[in-house]
Amino acid sequence: MSDIVSITQNNDFRRAYSRGKSKACPSLVAYRVKNRAGLCRVGITTGKKLGGAVERNRCRRVIKEAYRHLSPLCAGSWDIVFVARSKVLKMKSHEVEKDMFKLLCALGIINTSAERP
């Protein structure tokens, strides 16, 4: 899977927040809810508390790159929403990838026996 399918509709984000299961770590919060699309879709949110547009866009790029490496391991059809926390500002994508791997395993999106990146 080379392209990441994004969540674009507000109601999909709201559904993940209200009905989805969530897990958190110091750098990210992940919400997941089943979808009928037959594939994993991803949404990334960064609040204004993180900083200006440059910082928020960097956070989105780092999170997207980390997910790109993990997307082949994702099984099922899920809507996944990642909420960036301030610790992401100081992290590299491979560090975010490790945190994301733990979150996705805890949420049951990645099989725990999968090979860690």
N, C-alpha and C. Protein backbone atom coordinates (compact mmCIF):
# COMPACT_ATOMS: atom_id res chain seq x y z
N MET A 1 0.85 -1.17 0.00
CA MET A 1 0.00 0.00 0.00
C MET A 1 0.90 1.23 0.00
N SER A 2 1.00 1.90 -1.09
CA SER A 2 1.91 3.04 -1.19
C SER A 2 1.22 4.34 -0.80
N ASP A 3 -0.05 4.50 -1.16
CA ASP A 3 -0.77 5.72 -0.84
C ASP A 3 -1.54 5.55 0.45
N ILE A 4 -1.55 6.60 1.24
CA ILE A 4 -2.31 6.60 2.48
C ILE A 4 -3.67 7.21 2.18
N VAL A 5 -4.72 6.50 2.55
CA VAL A 5 -6.08 6.99 2.35
C VAL A 5 -6.44 7.83 3.57
N SER A 6 -6.81 9.09 3.33
CA SER A 6 -7.06 10.02 4.42
C SER A 6 -8.53 10.11 4.78
N ILE A 7 -8.78 10.41 6.03
CA ILE A 7 -10.12 10.75 6.48
C ILE A 7 -10.28 12.24 6.24
N THR A 8 -11.33 12.63 5.53
CA THR A 8 -11.52 14.04 5.21
C THR A 8 -12.81 14.62 5.77
N GLN A 9 -13.77 13.77 6.08
CA GLN A 9 -15.07 14.27 6.53
C GLN A 9 -15.09 14.46 8.05
N ASN A 10 -15.67 15.57 8.48
CA ASN A 10 -15.76 15.89 9.90
C ASN A 10 -16.53 14.82 10.67
N ASN A 11 -17.59 14.28 10.07
CA ASN A 11 -18.38 13.27 10.79
C ASN A 11 -17.57 11.99 11.03
N ASP A 12 -16.61 11.67 10.18
CA ASP A 12 -15.76 10.50 10.41
C ASP A 12 -14.82 10.73 11.60
N PHE A 13 -14.29 11.96 11.72
CA PHE A 13 -13.47 12.29 12.88
C PHE A 13 -14.31 12.22 14.16
N ARG A 14 -15.51 12.79 14.12
CA ARG A 14 -16.39 12.78 15.30
C ARG A 14 -16.77 11.37 15.71
N ARG A 15 -17.02 10.51 14.72
CA ARG A 15 -17.38 9.13 15.01
C ARG A 15 -16.22 8.42 15.72
N ALA A 16 -14.99 8.68 15.27
CA ALA A 16 -13.82 8.07 15.91
C ALA A 16 -13.66 8.57 17.34
N TYR A 17 -13.87 9.87 17.57
CA TYR A 17 -13.73 10.42 18.91
C TYR A 17 -14.81 9.90 19.85
N SER A 18 -16.05 9.82 19.37
CA SER A 18 -17.15 9.47 20.27
C SER A 18 -17.33 7.97 20.46
N ARG A 19 -17.22 7.18 19.39
CA ARG A 19 -17.50 5.75 19.48
C ARG A 19 -16.26 4.88 19.40
N GLY A 20 -15.12 5.49 19.12
CA GLY A 20 -13.91 4.70 18.93
C GLY A 20 -13.19 4.37 20.23
N LYS A 21 -12.30 3.42 20.13
CA LYS A 21 -11.43 3.05 21.24
C LYS A 21 -10.17 3.89 21.12
N SER A 22 -9.59 4.29 22.26
CA SER A 22 -8.41 5.14 22.19
C SER A 22 -7.30 4.61 23.10
N LYS A 23 -6.09 4.93 22.70
CA LYS A 23 -4.89 4.67 23.49
C LYS A 23 -4.00 5.89 23.37
N ALA A 24 -3.19 6.12 24.40
CA ALA A 24 -2.33 7.30 24.40
C ALA A 24 -0.91 6.94 24.83
N CYS A 25 0.01 7.73 24.33
CA CYS A 25 1.40 7.69 24.77
C CYS A 25 1.85 9.15 24.87
N PRO A 26 3.05 9.42 25.34
CA PRO A 26 3.46 10.82 25.52
C PRO A 26 3.46 11.66 24.23
N SER A 27 3.61 11.03 23.09
CA SER A 27 3.71 11.80 21.85
C SER A 27 2.43 11.81 21.02
N LEU A 28 1.58 10.79 21.16
CA LEU A 28 0.39 10.65 20.32
C LEU A 28 -0.78 10.10 21.10
N VAL A 29 -1.97 10.40 20.60
CA VAL A 29 -3.19 9.72 21.01
C VAL A 29 -3.77 9.12 19.74
N ALA A 30 -4.19 7.86 19.81
CA ALA A 30 -4.76 7.20 18.64
C ALA A 30 -6.17 6.74 18.96
N TYR A 31 -7.09 7.03 18.04
CA TYR A 31 -8.47 6.57 18.12
C TYR A 31 -8.71 5.64 16.95
N ARG A 32 -9.49 4.57 17.18
CA ARG A 32 -9.81 3.69 16.08
C ARG A 32 -11.27 3.27 16.16
N VAL A 33 -11.88 3.17 14.99
CA VAL A 33 -13.26 2.71 14.87
C VAL A 33 -13.39 1.97 13.55
N LYS A 34 -14.21 0.94 13.52
CA LYS A 34 -14.42 0.15 12.30
C LYS A 34 -15.04 1.03 11.21
N ASN A 35 -14.69 0.74 9.96
CA ASN A 35 -15.35 1.39 8.83
C ASN A 35 -15.80 0.34 7.83
N ARG A 36 -16.55 0.75 6.84
CA ARG A 36 -17.04 -0.17 5.81
C ARG A 36 -16.29 0.00 4.50
N ALA A 37 -15.22 0.75 4.51
CA ALA A 37 -14.47 1.03 3.28
C ALA A 37 -13.63 -0.16 2.84
N GLY A 38 -13.34 -1.08 3.74
CA GLY A 38 -12.53 -2.24 3.40
C GLY A 38 -11.03 -1.98 3.46
N LEU A 39 -10.63 -0.84 4.00
CA LEU A 39 -9.21 -0.51 4.14
C LEU A 39 -9.03 0.45 5.29
N CYS A 40 -7.80 0.62 5.70
CA CYS A 40 -7.49 1.54 6.80
C CYS A 40 -7.41 2.97 6.25
N ARG A 41 -8.14 3.86 6.91
CA ARG A 41 -8.06 5.28 6.57
C ARG A 41 -7.48 6.01 7.78
N VAL A 42 -6.73 7.08 7.51
CA VAL A 42 -6.02 7.78 8.58
C VAL A 42 -6.35 9.26 8.57
N GLY A 43 -6.55 9.81 9.76
CA GLY A 43 -6.72 11.24 9.94
C GLY A 43 -5.71 11.71 10.97
N ILE A 44 -5.14 12.88 10.75
CA ILE A 44 -4.14 13.43 11.66
C ILE A 44 -4.60 14.82 12.09
N THR A 45 -4.65 15.04 13.40
CA THR A 45 -5.03 16.36 13.89
C THR A 45 -3.91 16.93 14.74
N THR A 46 -3.72 18.22 14.59
CA THR A 46 -2.73 18.95 15.38
C THR A 46 -3.40 20.23 15.87
N GLY A 47 -3.44 20.42 17.16
CA GLY A 47 -4.08 21.59 17.74
C GLY A 47 -3.18 22.80 17.72
N LYS A 48 -3.77 23.95 17.95
CA LYS A 48 -3.01 25.19 17.94
C LYS A 48 -2.05 25.30 19.12
N LYS A 49 -2.24 24.48 20.14
CA LYS A 49 -1.33 24.49 21.28
C LYS A 49 0.08 24.04 20.89
N LEU A 50 0.19 23.31 19.78
CA LEU A 50 1.50 22.82 19.34
C LEU A 50 2.38 23.94 18.81
N GLY A 51 1.78 24.99 18.31
CA GLY A 51 2.57 26.09 17.77
C GLY A 51 1.94 26.64 16.51
N GLY A 52 2.76 27.33 15.74
CA GLY A 52 2.28 27.93 14.50
C GLY A 52 2.11 26.90 13.40
N ALA A 53 1.77 27.39 12.23
CA ALA A 53 1.50 26.51 11.10
C ALA A 53 2.71 25.66 10.71
N VAL A 54 3.89 26.23 10.81
CA VAL A 54 5.11 25.50 10.44
C VAL A 54 5.29 24.28 11.35
N GLU A 55 5.14 24.48 12.65
CA GLU A 55 5.29 23.38 13.61
C GLU A 55 4.20 22.33 13.42
N ARG A 56 2.96 22.78 13.23
CA ARG A 56 1.85 21.83 13.06
C ARG A 56 2.02 21.02 11.78
N ASN A 57 2.45 21.65 10.71
CA ASN A 57 2.67 20.93 9.45
C ASN A 57 3.81 19.93 9.58
N ARG A 58 4.87 20.28 10.30
CA ARG A 58 5.96 19.34 10.52
C ARG A 58 5.47 18.12 11.29
N CYS A 59 4.66 18.36 12.31
CA CYS A 59 4.09 17.24 13.08
C CYS A 59 3.28 16.32 12.17
N ARG A 60 2.47 16.89 11.31
CA ARG A 60 1.66 16.07 10.39
C ARG A 60 2.55 15.27 9.45
N ARG A 61 3.62 15.89 8.94
CA ARG A 61 4.53 15.17 8.04
C ARG A 61 5.23 14.02 8.76
N VAL A 62 5.68 14.25 9.97
CA VAL A 62 6.38 13.22 10.74
C VAL A 62 5.43 12.05 11.04
N ILE A 63 4.21 12.35 11.45
CA ILE A 63 3.23 11.30 11.76
C ILE A 63 2.87 10.53 10.50
N LYS A 64 2.68 11.25 9.40
CA LYS A 64 2.32 10.58 8.14
C LYS A 64 3.44 9.66 7.66
N GLU A 65 4.68 10.10 7.80
CA GLU A 65 5.82 9.28 7.40
C GLU A 65 5.93 8.03 8.27
N ALA A 66 5.72 8.20 9.56
CA ALA A 66 5.76 7.04 10.47
C ALA A 66 4.67 6.04 10.10
N TYR A 67 3.47 6.53 9.80
CA TYR A 67 2.37 5.62 9.43
C TYR A 67 2.65 4.95 8.08
N ARG A 68 3.30 5.65 7.18
CA ARG A 68 3.59 5.08 5.87
C ARG A 68 4.43 3.81 6.00
N HIS A 69 5.36 3.79 6.95
CA HIS A 69 6.18 2.61 7.18
C HIS A 69 5.39 1.47 7.83
N LEU A 70 4.38 1.82 8.62
CA LEU A 70 3.62 0.80 9.35
C LEU A 70 2.36 0.34 8.60
N SER A 71 1.94 1.07 7.59
CA SER A 71 0.68 0.75 6.92
C SER A 71 0.62 -0.66 6.33
N PRO A 72 1.71 -1.24 5.82
CA PRO A 72 1.60 -2.61 5.32
C PRO A 72 1.27 -3.63 6.41
N LEU A 73 1.54 -3.31 7.67
CA LEU A 73 1.26 -4.23 8.77
C LEU A 73 -0.18 -4.14 9.26
N CYS A 74 -0.89 -3.08 8.87
CA CYS A 74 -2.25 -2.86 9.36
C CYS A 74 -3.22 -3.82 8.69
N ALA A 75 -4.04 -4.46 9.52
CA ALA A 75 -5.01 -5.42 9.01
C ALA A 75 -6.42 -4.95 9.37
N GLY A 76 -7.36 -5.24 8.50
CA GLY A 76 -8.75 -4.88 8.75
C GLY A 76 -9.11 -3.56 8.12
N SER A 77 -10.33 -3.14 8.37
CA SER A 77 -10.81 -1.86 7.84
C SER A 77 -11.13 -0.95 9.03
N TRP A 78 -10.23 -0.04 9.28
CA TRP A 78 -10.33 0.87 10.42
C TRP A 78 -10.22 2.31 9.97
N ASP A 79 -10.88 3.18 10.71
CA ASP A 79 -10.60 4.61 10.66
C ASP A 79 -9.72 4.90 11.86
N ILE A 80 -8.54 5.43 11.61
CA ILE A 80 -7.58 5.72 12.67
C ILE A 80 -7.33 7.22 12.69
N VAL A 81 -7.49 7.83 13.86
CA VAL A 81 -7.23 9.26 14.01
C VAL A 81 -6.08 9.42 15.00
N PHE A 82 -5.03 10.09 14.56
CA PHE A 82 -3.89 10.39 15.42
C PHE A 82 -3.97 11.85 15.84
N VAL A 83 -3.85 12.09 17.14
CA VAL A 83 -3.81 13.45 17.68
C VAL A 83 -2.40 13.68 18.19
N ALA A 84 -1.75 14.70 17.65
CA ALA A 84 -0.37 14.99 18.03
C ALA A 84 -0.32 15.69 19.38
N ARG A 85 0.67 15.31 20.17
CA ARG A 85 0.95 15.99 21.43
C ARG A 85 2.26 16.76 21.27
N SER A 86 2.53 17.64 22.23
CA SER A 86 3.67 18.56 22.08
C SER A 86 5.01 17.84 21.99
N LYS A 87 5.12 16.63 22.51
CA LYS A 87 6.39 15.91 22.46
C LYS A 87 6.80 15.57 21.02
N VAL A 88 5.84 15.50 20.11
CA VAL A 88 6.14 15.17 18.70
C VAL A 88 7.04 16.23 18.08
N LEU A 89 6.95 17.46 18.55
CA LEU A 89 7.75 18.55 17.98
C LEU A 89 9.25 18.26 18.04
N LYS A 90 9.68 17.53 19.05
CA LYS A 90 11.11 17.28 19.24
C LYS A 90 11.55 15.90 18.76
N MET A 91 10.63 15.14 18.18
CA MET A 91 10.93 13.76 17.79
C MET A 91 11.17 13.62 16.29
N LYS A 92 11.95 12.61 15.94
CA LYS A 92 12.16 12.23 14.54
C LYS A 92 11.11 11.20 14.17
N SER A 93 10.96 10.96 12.87
CA SER A 93 9.89 10.06 12.42
C SER A 93 10.10 8.63 12.91
N HIS A 94 11.35 8.16 13.03
CA HIS A 94 11.57 6.79 13.50
C HIS A 94 11.21 6.64 14.97
N GLU A 95 11.34 7.72 15.75
CA GLU A 95 10.92 7.68 17.16
C GLU A 95 9.40 7.66 17.27
N VAL A 96 8.75 8.46 16.43
CA VAL A 96 7.28 8.46 16.40
C VAL A 96 6.78 7.10 15.92
N GLU A 97 7.50 6.50 14.99
CA GLU A 97 7.12 5.19 14.46
C GLU A 97 7.10 4.13 15.57
N LYS A 98 8.06 4.18 16.47
CA LYS A 98 8.10 3.22 17.59
C LYS A 98 6.88 3.40 18.49
N ASP A 99 6.57 4.66 18.82
CA ASP A 99 5.39 4.92 19.65
C ASP A 99 4.11 4.49 18.93
N MET A 100 4.04 4.79 17.64
CA MET A 100 2.86 4.45 16.86
C MET A 100 2.68 2.94 16.78
N PHE A 101 3.78 2.21 16.63
CA PHE A 101 3.70 0.75 16.58
C PHE A 101 3.09 0.20 17.86
N LYS A 102 3.53 0.73 19.01
CA LYS A 102 2.98 0.29 20.30
C LYS A 102 1.49 0.60 20.39
N LEU A 103 1.10 1.79 19.95
CA LEU A 103 -0.32 2.17 20.00
C LEU A 103 -1.17 1.29 19.10
N LEU A 104 -0.70 1.05 17.88
CA LEU A 104 -1.48 0.25 16.94
C LEU A 104 -1.58 -1.20 17.39
N CYS A 105 -0.54 -1.71 18.04
CA CYS A 105 -0.62 -3.07 18.62
C CYS A 105 -1.62 -3.10 19.76
N ALA A 106 -1.59 -2.08 20.61
CA ALA A 106 -2.51 -2.03 21.75
C ALA A 106 -3.96 -1.91 21.30
N LEU A 107 -4.19 -1.26 20.17
CA LEU A 107 -5.55 -1.11 19.64
C LEU A 107 -5.99 -2.30 18.82
N GLY A 108 -5.10 -3.24 18.56
CA GLY A 108 -5.47 -4.43 17.80
C GLY A 108 -5.47 -4.24 16.30
N ILE A 109 -4.85 -3.20 15.82
CA ILE A 109 -4.79 -2.94 14.38
C ILE A 109 -3.63 -3.71 13.76
N ILE A 110 -2.53 -3.80 14.50
CA ILE A 110 -1.38 -4.59 14.07
C ILE A 110 -1.30 -5.81 14.98
N ASN A 111 -1.08 -6.96 14.40
CA ASN A 111 -0.93 -8.18 15.17
C ASN A 111 0.33 -8.06 16.04
N THR A 112 0.24 -8.45 17.29
CA THR A 112 1.37 -8.29 18.21
C THR A 112 2.57 -9.15 17.83
N SER A 113 2.35 -10.17 17.01
CA SER A 113 3.47 -11.00 16.57
C SER A 113 4.15 -10.44 15.33
N ALA A 114 3.67 -9.30 14.83
CA ALA A 114 4.27 -8.68 13.64
C ALA A 114 5.68 -8.22 13.95
N GLU A 115 6.50 -8.23 12.93
CA GLU A 115 7.90 -7.81 13.07
C GLU A 115 7.96 -6.31 13.29
N ARG A 116 8.63 -5.90 14.35
CA ARG A 116 8.74 -4.48 14.66
C ARG A 116 9.73 -3.81 13.73
N PRO A 117 9.42 -2.59 13.26
CA PRO A 117 10.35 -1.90 12.35
C PRO A 117 11.62 -1.46 13.03
